[in-house]
């Protein structure tokens, strides 16, 4: 594993130390590793969604009136349960 030195403001450091003291993370290093890993995973997921969208075919225009009508229909049906 490689060491990394960073500068961080006092407010953010206090937040990180609080998360560690709450037991959510073992150490500041553990917190930062989890944060970077989550960012990487979110980026990969976003890239996959974008590619899925591009590969899904020609765009279809949205009919907002129809979408709104269906949404209200579902809402009314759920409200009566």
PDB file of N, CA and C in Angstrom:
ATOM      1  N   UNK A   1       0.849  -1.174   0.000  1.00  0.00           N
ATOM      2  CA  UNK A   1       0.000   0.000   0.000  1.00  0.00           C
ATOM      3  C   UNK A   1       0.895   1.237   0.000  1.00  0.00           C
ATOM      4  N   UNK A   2       0.458   2.290  -0.654  1.00  0.00           N
ATOM      5  CA  UNK A   2       1.224   3.523  -0.777  1.00  0.00           C
ATOM      6  C   UNK A   2       0.678   4.583   0.169  1.00  0.00           C
ATOM      7  N   UNK A   3       1.571   5.352   0.772  1.00  0.00           N
ATOM      8  CA  UNK A   3       1.162   6.470   1.622  1.00  0.00           C
ATOM      9  C   UNK A   3       0.778   7.649   0.748  1.00  0.00           C
ATOM     10  N   UNK A   4      -0.165   8.455   1.250  1.00  0.00           N
ATOM     11  CA  UNK A   4      -0.619   9.635   0.545  1.00  0.00           C
ATOM     12  C   UNK A   4      -0.802  10.747   1.567  1.00  0.00           C
ATOM     13  N   UNK A   5      -0.195  11.875   1.351  1.00  0.00           N
ATOM     14  CA  UNK A   5      -0.365  13.027   2.236  1.00  0.00           C
ATOM     15  C   UNK A   5      -1.322  14.007   1.578  1.00  0.00           C
ATOM     16  N   UNK A   6      -2.339  14.448   2.346  1.00  0.00           N
ATOM     17  CA  UNK A   6      -3.302  15.409   1.810  1.00  0.00           C
ATOM     18  C   UNK A   6      -3.488  16.539   2.807  1.00  0.00           C
ATOM     19  N   UNK A   7      -3.944  17.672   2.307  1.00  0.00           N
ATOM     20  CA  UNK A   7      -4.339  18.791   3.157  1.00  0.00           C
ATOM     21  C   UNK A   7      -5.857  18.817   3.186  1.00  0.00           C
ATOM     22  N   UNK A   8      -6.419  19.055   4.371  1.00  0.00           N
ATOM     23  CA  UNK A   8      -7.869  19.070   4.518  1.00  0.00           C
ATOM     24  C   UNK A   8      -8.223  20.114   5.571  1.00  0.00           C
ATOM     25  N   UNK A   9      -9.334  20.803   5.386  1.00  0.00           N
ATOM     26  CA  UNK A   9      -9.673  21.840   6.362  1.00  0.00           C
ATOM     27  C   UNK A   9     -10.152  21.206   7.671  1.00  0.00           C
ATOM     28  N   UNK A  10     -10.105  21.991   8.731  1.00  0.00           N
ATOM     29  CA  UNK A  10     -10.418  21.490  10.072  1.00  0.00           C
ATOM     30  C   UNK A  10     -11.836  20.942  10.188  1.00  0.00           C
ATOM     31  N   UNK A  11     -12.773  21.595   9.521  1.00  0.00           N
ATOM     32  CA  UNK A  11     -14.168  21.145   9.592  1.00  0.00           C
ATOM     33  C   UNK A  11     -14.336  19.748   9.003  1.00  0.00           C
ATOM     34  N   UNK A  12     -13.724  19.506   7.853  1.00  0.00           N
ATOM     35  CA  UNK A  12     -13.836  18.186   7.231  1.00  0.00           C
ATOM     36  C   UNK A  12     -13.105  17.127   8.046  1.00  0.00           C
ATOM     37  N   UNK A  13     -11.951  17.482   8.586  1.00  0.00           N
ATOM     38  CA  UNK A  13     -11.215  16.529   9.414  1.00  0.00           C
ATOM     39  C   UNK A  13     -12.023  16.163  10.652  1.00  0.00           C
ATOM     40  N   UNK A  14     -12.673  17.149  11.256  1.00  0.00           N
ATOM     41  CA  UNK A  14     -13.510  16.871  12.431  1.00  0.00           C
ATOM     42  C   UNK A  14     -14.648  15.920  12.063  1.00  0.00           C
ATOM     43  N   UNK A  15     -15.241  16.131  10.891  1.00  0.00           N
ATOM     44  CA  UNK A  15     -16.314  15.245  10.435  1.00  0.00           C
ATOM     45  C   UNK A  15     -15.810  13.818  10.269  1.00  0.00           C
ATOM     46  N   UNK A  16     -14.660  13.672   9.630  1.00  0.00           N
ATOM     47  CA  UNK A  16     -14.090  12.341   9.419  1.00  0.00           C
ATOM     48  C   UNK A  16     -13.786  11.675  10.756  1.00  0.00           C
ATOM     49  N   UNK A  17     -13.191  12.417  11.667  1.00  0.00           N
ATOM     50  CA  UNK A  17     -12.857  11.849  12.980  1.00  0.00           C
ATOM     51  C   UNK A  17     -14.113  11.442  13.741  1.00  0.00           C
ATOM     52  N   UNK A  18     -15.194  12.199  13.573  1.00  0.00           N
ATOM     53  CA  UNK A  18     -16.466  11.832  14.206  1.00  0.00           C
ATOM     54  C   UNK A  18     -16.977  10.515  13.648  1.00  0.00           C
ATOM     55  N   UNK A  19     -16.925  10.372  12.323  1.00  0.00           N
ATOM     56  CA  UNK A  19     -17.378   9.124  11.707  1.00  0.00           C
ATOM     57  C   UNK A  19     -16.550   7.943  12.199  1.00  0.00           C
ATOM     58  N   UNK A  20     -15.245   8.150  12.366  1.00  0.00           N
ATOM     59  CA  UNK A  20     -14.373   7.085  12.871  1.00  0.00           C
ATOM     60  C   UNK A  20     -14.729   6.774  14.319  1.00  0.00           C
ATOM     61  N   UNK A  21     -14.917   7.805  15.139  1.00  0.00           N
ATOM     62  CA  UNK A  21     -15.218   7.582  16.556  1.00  0.00           C
ATOM     63  C   UNK A  21     -16.582   6.922  16.759  1.00  0.00           C
ATOM     64  N   UNK A  22     -17.495   7.124  15.813  1.00  0.00           N
ATOM     65  CA  UNK A  22     -18.811   6.464  15.875  1.00  0.00           C
ATOM     66  C   UNK A  22     -18.715   4.976  15.557  1.00  0.00           C
ATOM     67  N   UNK A  23     -17.551   4.566  15.066  1.00  0.00           N
ATOM     68  CA  UNK A  23     -17.366   3.162  14.726  1.00  0.00           C
ATOM     69  C   UNK A  23     -17.722   2.811  13.304  1.00  0.00           C
ATOM     70  N   UNK A  24     -18.065   3.828  12.509  1.00  0.00           N
ATOM     71  CA  UNK A  24     -18.420   3.563  11.121  1.00  0.00           C
ATOM     72  C   UNK A  24     -17.199   3.128  10.313  1.00  0.00           C
ATOM     73  N   UNK A  25     -16.021   3.577  10.750  1.00  0.00           N
ATOM     74  CA  UNK A  25     -14.766   3.252  10.069  1.00  0.00           C
ATOM     75  C   UNK A  25     -13.703   2.984  11.123  1.00  0.00           C
ATOM     76  N   UNK A  26     -12.711   2.198  10.768  1.00  0.00           N
ATOM     77  CA  UNK A  26     -11.640   1.824  11.686  1.00  0.00           C
ATOM     78  C   UNK A  26     -10.657   2.977  11.885  1.00  0.00           C
ATOM     79  N   UNK A  27     -10.431   3.761  10.817  1.00  0.00           N
ATOM     80  CA  UNK A  27      -9.440   4.833  10.864  1.00  0.00           C
ATOM     81  C   UNK A  27      -9.771   5.878   9.806  1.00  0.00           C
ATOM     82  N   UNK A  28      -9.066   7.002   9.880  1.00  0.00           N
ATOM     83  CA  UNK A  28      -9.221   8.032   8.853  1.00  0.00           C
ATOM     84  C   UNK A  28      -8.864   7.451   7.493  1.00  0.00           C
ATOM     85  N   UNK A  29      -7.817   6.665   7.438  1.00  0.00           N
ATOM     86  CA  UNK A  29      -7.403   6.030   6.188  1.00  0.00           C
ATOM     87  C   UNK A  29      -8.510   5.126   5.648  1.00  0.00           C
ATOM     88  N   UNK A  30      -9.142   4.352   6.527  1.00  0.00           N
ATOM     89  CA  UNK A  30     -10.232   3.466   6.134  1.00  0.00           C
ATOM     90  C   UNK A  30     -11.390   4.276   5.551  1.00  0.00           C
ATOM     91  N   UNK A  31     -11.705   5.411   6.193  1.00  0.00           N
ATOM     92  CA  UNK A  31     -12.780   6.278   5.705  1.00  0.00           C
ATOM     93  C   UNK A  31     -12.465   6.793   4.303  1.00  0.00           C
ATOM     94  N   UNK A  32     -11.259   7.308   4.117  1.00  0.00           N
ATOM     95  CA  UNK A  32     -10.887   7.871   2.823  1.00  0.00           C
ATOM     96  C   UNK A  32     -10.855   6.795   1.735  1.00  0.00           C
ATOM     97  N   UNK A  33     -10.386   5.600   2.071  1.00  0.00           N
ATOM     98  CA  UNK A  33     -10.388   4.511   1.092  1.00  0.00           C
ATOM     99  C   UNK A  33     -11.822   4.151   0.685  1.00  0.00           C
ATOM    100  N   UNK A  34     -12.724   4.105   1.670  1.00  0.00           N
ATOM    101  CA  UNK A  34     -14.125   3.791   1.375  1.00  0.00           C
ATOM    102  C   UNK A  34     -14.752   4.884   0.511  1.00  0.00           C
ATOM    103  N   UNK A  35     -14.409   6.132   0.794  1.00  0.00           N
ATOM    104  CA  UNK A  35     -14.944   7.252   0.030  1.00  0.00           C
ATOM    105  C   UNK A  35     -14.495   7.188  -1.432  1.00  0.00           C
ATOM    106  N   UNK A  36     -13.214   6.943  -1.643  1.00  0.00           N
ATOM    107  CA  UNK A  36     -12.682   6.857  -3.007  1.00  0.00           C
ATOM    108  C   UNK A  36     -13.274   5.648  -3.729  1.00  0.00           C
ATOM    109  N   UNK A  37     -13.394   4.520  -3.040  1.00  0.00           N
ATOM    110  CA  UNK A  37     -13.969   3.316  -3.661  1.00  0.00           C
ATOM    111  C   UNK A  37     -15.427   3.556  -4.060  1.00  0.00           C
ATOM    112  N   UNK A  38     -16.189   4.236  -3.194  1.00  0.00           N
ATOM    113  CA  UNK A  38     -17.591   4.526  -3.511  1.00  0.00           C
ATOM    114  C   UNK A  38     -17.685   5.460  -4.714  1.00  0.00           C
ATOM    115  N   UNK A  39     -16.793   6.443  -4.779  1.00  0.00           N
ATOM    116  CA  UNK A  39     -16.784   7.360  -5.914  1.00  0.00           C
ATOM    117  C   UNK A  39     -16.466   6.608  -7.206  1.00  0.00           C
ATOM    118  N   UNK A  40     -15.482   5.716  -7.138  1.00  0.00           N
ATOM    119  CA  UNK A  40     -15.117   4.907  -8.311  1.00  0.00           C
ATOM    120  C   UNK A  40     -16.309   4.055  -8.746  1.00  0.00           C
ATOM    121  N   UNK A  41     -16.974   3.397  -7.782  1.00  0.00           N
ATOM    122  CA  UNK A  41     -18.114   2.535  -8.103  1.00  0.00           C
ATOM    123  C   UNK A  41     -19.260   3.343  -8.713  1.00  0.00           C
ATOM    124  N   UNK A  42     -19.514   4.532  -8.162  1.00  0.00           N
ATOM    125  CA  UNK A  42     -20.575   5.383  -8.714  1.00  0.00           C
ATOM    126  C   UNK A  42     -20.247   5.817 -10.133  1.00  0.00           C
ATOM    127  N   UNK A  43     -18.982   6.120 -10.370  1.00  0.00           N
ATOM    128  CA  UNK A  43     -18.563   6.525 -11.718  1.00  0.00           C
ATOM    129  C   UNK A  43     -18.773   5.373 -12.695  1.00  0.00           C
ATOM    130  N   UNK A  44     -18.382   4.167 -12.290  1.00  0.00           N
ATOM    131  CA  UNK A  44     -18.559   3.007 -13.159  1.00  0.00           C
ATOM    132  C   UNK A  44     -20.040   2.746 -13.434  1.00  0.00           C
ATOM    133  N   UNK A  45     -20.855   2.888 -12.404  1.00  0.00           N
ATOM    134  CA  UNK A  45     -22.294   2.672 -12.559  1.00  0.00           C
ATOM    135  C   UNK A  45     -22.894   3.714 -13.504  1.00  0.00           C
ATOM    136  N   UNK A  46     -22.492   4.958 -13.339  1.00  0.00           N
ATOM    137  CA  UNK A  46     -22.973   6.026 -14.223  1.00  0.00           C
ATOM    138  C   UNK A  46     -22.562   5.767 -15.661  1.00  0.00           C
ATOM    139  N   UNK A  47     -21.312   5.369 -15.851  1.00  0.00           N
ATOM    140  CA  UNK A  47     -20.837   5.056 -17.198  1.00  0.00           C
ATOM    141  C   UNK A  47     -21.650   3.922 -17.816  1.00  0.00           C
ATOM    142  N   UNK A  48     -21.961   2.892 -17.004  1.00  0.00           N
ATOM    143  CA  UNK A  48     -22.768   1.770 -17.512  1.00  0.00           C
ATOM    144  C   UNK A  48     -24.163   2.248 -17.918  1.00  0.00           C
ATOM    145  N   UNK A  49     -24.789   3.093 -17.070  1.00  0.00           N
ATOM    146  CA  UNK A  49     -26.126   3.607 -17.397  1.00  0.00           C
ATOM    147  C   UNK A  49     -26.096   4.426 -18.682  1.00  0.00           C
ATOM    148  N   UNK A  50     -25.071   5.250 -18.839  1.00  0.00           N
ATOM    149  CA  UNK A  50     -24.961   6.048 -20.056  1.00  0.00           C
ATOM    150  C   UNK A  50     -24.801   5.163 -21.282  1.00  0.00           C
ATOM    151  N   UNK A  51     -23.956   4.148 -21.185  1.00  0.00           N
ATOM    152  CA  UNK A  51     -23.761   3.236 -22.326  1.00  0.00           C
ATOM    153  C   UNK A  51     -25.035   2.459 -22.617  1.00  0.00           C
ATOM    154  N   UNK A  52     -25.729   1.997 -21.575  1.00  0.00           N
ATOM    155  CA  UNK A  52     -27.007   1.302 -21.779  1.00  0.00           C
ATOM    156  C   UNK A  52     -27.986   2.193 -22.526  1.00  0.00           C
ATOM    157  N   UNK A  53     -28.021   3.470 -22.133  1.00  0.00           N
ATOM    158  CA  UNK A  53     -28.911   4.406 -22.803  1.00  0.00           C
ATOM    159  C   UNK A  53     -28.543   4.601 -24.260  1.00  0.00           C
ATOM    160  N   UNK A  54     -27.244   4.745 -24.522  1.00  0.00           N
ATOM    161  CA  UNK A  54     -26.790   4.932 -25.901  1.00  0.00           C
ATOM    162  C   UNK A  54     -27.070   3.710 -26.767  1.00  0.00           C
ATOM    163  N   UNK A  55     -26.982   2.529 -26.166  1.00  0.00           N
ATOM    164  CA  UNK A  55     -27.159   1.291 -26.913  1.00  0.00           C
ATOM    165  C   UNK A  55     -28.614   0.825 -26.969  1.00  0.00           C
ATOM    166  N   UNK A  56     -29.529   1.568 -26.344  1.00  0.00           N
ATOM    167  CA  UNK A  56     -30.916   1.110 -26.254  1.00  0.00           C
ATOM    168  C   UNK A  56     -31.743   1.406 -27.499  1.00  0.00           C
ATOM    169  N   UNK A  57     -31.179   2.133 -28.427  1.00  0.00           N
ATOM    170  CA  UNK A  57     -31.905   2.404 -29.664  1.00  0.00           C
ATOM    171  C   UNK A  57     -32.238   3.874 -29.803  1.00  0.00           C
ATOM    172  N   UNK A  58     -33.054   4.130 -30.783  1.00  0.00           N
ATOM    173  CA  UNK A  58     -33.431   5.507 -31.097  1.00  0.00           C
ATOM    174  C   UNK A  58     -34.249   6.110 -29.958  1.00  0.00           C
ATOM    175  N   UNK A  59     -34.072   7.391 -29.711  1.00  0.00           N
ATOM    176  CA  UNK A  59     -34.854   8.034 -28.646  1.00  0.00           C
ATOM    177  C   UNK A  59     -36.338   8.086 -28.996  1.00  0.00           C
ATOM    178  N   UNK A  60     -37.150   8.047 -27.958  1.00  0.00           N
ATOM    179  CA  UNK A  60     -38.600   8.108 -28.114  1.00  0.00           C
ATOM    180  C   UNK A  60     -39.083   9.362 -27.394  1.00  0.00           C
ATOM    181  N   UNK A  61     -39.865  10.210 -28.060  1.00  0.00           N
ATOM    182  CA  UNK A  61     -40.346  11.422 -27.394  1.00  0.00           C
ATOM    183  C   UNK A  61     -41.248  11.076 -26.214  1.00  0.00           C
ATOM    184  N   UNK A  62     -41.130  11.866 -25.165  1.00  0.00           N
ATOM    185  CA  UNK A  62     -41.953  11.659 -23.976  1.00  0.00           C
ATOM    186  C   UNK A  62     -43.265  12.417 -24.113  1.00  0.00           C
ATOM    187  N   UNK A  63     -44.337  11.770 -23.695  1.00  0.00           N
ATOM    188  CA  UNK A  63     -45.648  12.410 -23.652  1.00  0.00           C
ATOM    189  C   UNK A  63     -45.922  12.686 -22.174  1.00  0.00           C
ATOM    190  N   UNK A  64     -45.589  13.888 -21.718  1.00  0.00           N
ATOM    191  CA  UNK A  64     -45.709  14.198 -20.296  1.00  0.00           C
ATOM    192  C   UNK A  64     -47.148  14.128 -19.810  1.00  0.00           C
ATOM    193  N   UNK A  65     -48.093  14.442 -20.640  1.00  0.00           N
ATOM    194  CA  UNK A  65     -49.498  14.349 -20.231  1.00  0.00           C
ATOM    195  C   UNK A  65     -49.864  12.907 -19.915  1.00  0.00           C
ATOM    196  N   UNK A  66     -49.406  11.972 -20.739  1.00  0.00           N
ATOM    197  CA  UNK A  66     -49.689  10.554 -20.519  1.00  0.00           C
ATOM    198  C   UNK A  66     -48.966  10.043 -19.273  1.00  0.00           C
ATOM    199  N   UNK A  67     -47.732  10.448 -19.098  1.00  0.00           N
ATOM    200  CA  UNK A  67     -46.966  10.037 -17.912  1.00  0.00           C
ATOM    201  C   UNK A  67     -47.654  10.551 -16.650  1.00  0.00           C
ATOM    202  N   UNK A  68     -48.073  11.807 -16.656  1.00  0.00           N
ATOM    203  CA  UNK A  68     -48.762  12.400 -15.506  1.00  0.00           C
ATOM    204  C   UNK A  68     -50.076  11.671 -15.227  1.00  0.00           C
ATOM    205  N   UNK A  69     -50.812  11.359 -16.291  1.00  0.00           N
ATOM    206  CA  UNK A  69     -52.095  10.653 -16.126  1.00  0.00           C
ATOM    207  C   UNK A  69     -51.875   9.296 -15.476  1.00  0.00           C
ATOM    208  N   UNK A  70     -50.863   8.541 -15.940  1.00  0.00           N
ATOM    209  CA  UNK A  70     -50.571   7.228 -15.366  1.00  0.00           C
ATOM    210  C   UNK A  70     -50.123   7.348 -13.914  1.00  0.00           C
ATOM    211  N   UNK A  71     -49.327   8.354 -13.621  1.00  0.00           N
ATOM    212  CA  UNK A  71     -48.839   8.546 -12.247  1.00  0.00           C
ATOM    213  C   UNK A  71     -49.998   8.832 -11.305  1.00  0.00           C
ATOM    214  N   UNK A  72     -50.911   9.707 -11.703  1.00  0.00           N
ATOM    215  CA  UNK A  72     -52.066  10.008 -10.861  1.00  0.00           C
ATOM    216  C   UNK A  72     -52.956   8.787 -10.693  1.00  0.00           C
ATOM    217  N   UNK A  73     -53.071   7.975 -11.733  1.00  0.00           N
ATOM    218  CA  UNK A  73     -53.868   6.758 -11.668  1.00  0.00           C
ATOM    219  C   UNK A  73     -53.283   5.794 -10.625  1.00  0.00           C
ATOM    220  N   UNK A  74     -51.976   5.616 -10.661  1.00  0.00           N
ATOM    221  CA  UNK A  74     -51.312   4.739  -9.686  1.00  0.00           C
ATOM    222  C   UNK A  74     -51.469   5.315  -8.289  1.00  0.00           C
ATOM    223  N   UNK A  75     -51.292   6.619  -8.142  1.00  0.00           N
ATOM    224  CA  UNK A  75     -51.432   7.272  -6.839  1.00  0.00           C
ATOM    225  C   UNK A  75     -52.828   7.054  -6.269  1.00  0.00           C
ATOM    226  N   UNK A  76     -53.848   7.273  -7.079  1.00  0.00           N
ATOM    227  CA  UNK A  76     -55.228   7.099  -6.623  1.00  0.00           C
ATOM    228  C   UNK A  76     -55.511   5.650  -6.240  1.00  0.00           C
ATOM    229  N   UNK A  77     -54.983   4.718  -7.022  1.00  0.00           N
ATOM    230  CA  UNK A  77     -55.176   3.286  -6.732  1.00  0.00           C
ATOM    231  C   UNK A  77     -54.503   2.922  -5.403  1.00  0.00           C
ATOM    232  N   UNK A  78     -53.295   3.420  -5.171  1.00  0.00           N
ATOM    233  CA  UNK A  78     -52.570   3.118  -3.934  1.00  0.00           C
ATOM    234  C   UNK A  78     -53.223   3.783  -2.726  1.00  0.00           C
ATOM    235  N   UNK A  79     -53.792   4.959  -2.931  1.00  0.00           N
ATOM    236  CA  UNK A  79     -54.415   5.707  -1.848  1.00  0.00           C
ATOM    237  C   UNK A  79     -55.636   4.980  -1.290  1.00  0.00           C
ATOM    238  N   UNK A  80     -56.325   4.212  -2.113  1.00  0.00           N
ATOM    239  CA  UNK A  80     -57.535   3.519  -1.679  1.00  0.00           C
ATOM    240  C   UNK A  80     -57.258   2.174  -1.026  1.00  0.00           C
ATOM    241  N   UNK A  81     -56.004   1.756  -0.994  1.00  0.00           N
ATOM    242  CA  UNK A  81     -55.671   0.457  -0.386  1.00  0.00           C
ATOM    243  C   UNK A  81     -55.700   0.544   1.112  1.00  0.00           C
TER     244      UNK A  81
END
